[in-house]
Amino acid sequence: NLGGDTARVVHVYVLRPGSITPVCSGSISPVTINPGSVESFTRSLSGCTLNAGFDYVVKIITQKGTEFAVTVTAS
């Protein structure tokens, strides 16, 4: 969390690059990340089938509506 406020992650989307339609998504129990901190967390999203070797965009949304996205390759 590079910002000055506590971030609470509340929603996760998984998308194919260049698409606006989620492969899967879900609301999660809030994960709190304090300013200047790095946190890892694992959440299962029901109905989410990913294929090894394909790229996906993981987008997280905070309680305040801030979005962060990163592209990863499924293994």
Protein backbone atom coordinates (compact mmCIF):
# COMPACT_ATOMS: atom_id res chain seq x y z
CA ASN A 1 0.00 0.00 0.00
CA LEU A 2 1.84 3.07 -1.25
CA GLY A 3 -0.93 5.44 -0.17
CA GLY A 4 -1.38 7.28 3.09
CA ASP A 5 -4.67 5.59 4.05
CA THR A 6 -5.49 2.06 5.10
CA ALA A 7 -6.74 0.04 2.13
CA ARG A 8 -9.46 -2.59 2.55
CA VAL A 9 -9.68 -5.01 -0.38
CA VAL A 10 -13.31 -6.11 -0.79
CA HIS A 11 -13.68 -7.41 -4.36
CA VAL A 12 -11.57 -9.42 -6.81
CA TYR A 13 -12.00 -9.85 -10.57
CA VAL A 14 -10.11 -12.17 -12.92
CA LEU A 15 -10.25 -11.17 -16.60
CA ARG A 16 -8.58 -12.08 -19.88
CA PRO A 17 -6.29 -9.26 -21.08
CA GLY A 18 -8.21 -6.81 -23.28
CA SER A 19 -11.60 -8.02 -22.04
CA ILE A 20 -14.08 -6.30 -19.77
CA THR A 21 -16.03 -9.50 -19.06
CA PRO A 22 -14.73 -11.27 -15.93
CA VAL A 23 -13.73 -14.93 -16.10
CA CYS A 24 -14.80 -14.91 -12.46
CA SER A 25 -15.24 -12.45 -9.63
CA GLY A 26 -16.34 -12.26 -6.06
CA SER A 27 -16.75 -10.18 -2.98
CA ILE A 28 -14.42 -11.18 -0.19
CA SER A 29 -14.13 -10.61 3.52
CA PRO A 30 -12.17 -7.36 3.73
CA VAL A 31 -8.38 -7.66 3.74
CA THR A 32 -6.79 -4.67 5.47
CA ILE A 33 -3.47 -3.30 4.19
CA ASN A 34 -1.89 -0.53 6.26
CA PRO A 35 0.00 2.36 4.66
CA GLY A 36 3.53 1.35 3.70
CA SER A 37 2.74 -2.35 4.15
CA VAL A 38 2.66 -5.33 1.83
CA GLU A 39 0.16 -8.10 2.53
CA SER A 40 -0.47 -11.38 0.77
CA PHE A 41 -3.80 -13.14 0.87
CA THR A 42 -5.46 -16.11 -0.77
CA ARG A 43 -9.12 -16.28 -1.69
CA SER A 44 -11.02 -18.89 -3.66
CA LEU A 45 -13.48 -17.64 -6.25
CA SER A 46 -16.23 -20.11 -7.08
CA GLY A 47 -16.70 -20.94 -10.74
CA CYS A 48 -13.20 -19.83 -11.67
CA THR A 49 -11.50 -22.08 -14.21
CA LEU A 50 -8.10 -20.90 -15.41
CA ASN A 51 -5.87 -22.53 -18.00
CA ALA A 52 -2.14 -23.00 -17.40
CA GLY A 53 0.03 -20.92 -19.70
CA PHE A 54 -2.63 -18.27 -20.34
CA ASP A 55 -2.40 -14.67 -19.14
CA TYR A 56 -5.04 -13.23 -16.82
CA VAL A 57 -5.60 -9.83 -15.27
CA VAL A 58 -6.25 -9.91 -11.52
CA LYS A 59 -8.03 -6.73 -10.46
CA ILE A 60 -8.67 -5.90 -6.83
CA ILE A 61 -11.06 -3.21 -5.65
CA THR A 62 -10.87 -1.46 -2.29
CA GLN A 63 -13.74 -0.37 -0.11
CA LYS A 64 -13.17 3.22 -1.32
CA GLY A 65 -13.32 2.14 -4.99
CA THR A 66 -9.60 2.26 -5.75
CA GLU A 67 -8.59 -0.34 -8.36
CA PHE A 68 -5.30 -2.16 -8.81
CA ALA A 69 -4.64 -4.61 -11.64
CA VAL A 70 -1.76 -6.91 -12.49
CA THR A 71 -1.31 -9.39 -15.34
CA VAL A 72 -0.19 -12.89 -14.37
CA THR A 73 0.35 -16.17 -16.20
CA ALA A 74 -1.53 -19.17 -14.82
CA SER A 75 0.56 -22.22 -13.95
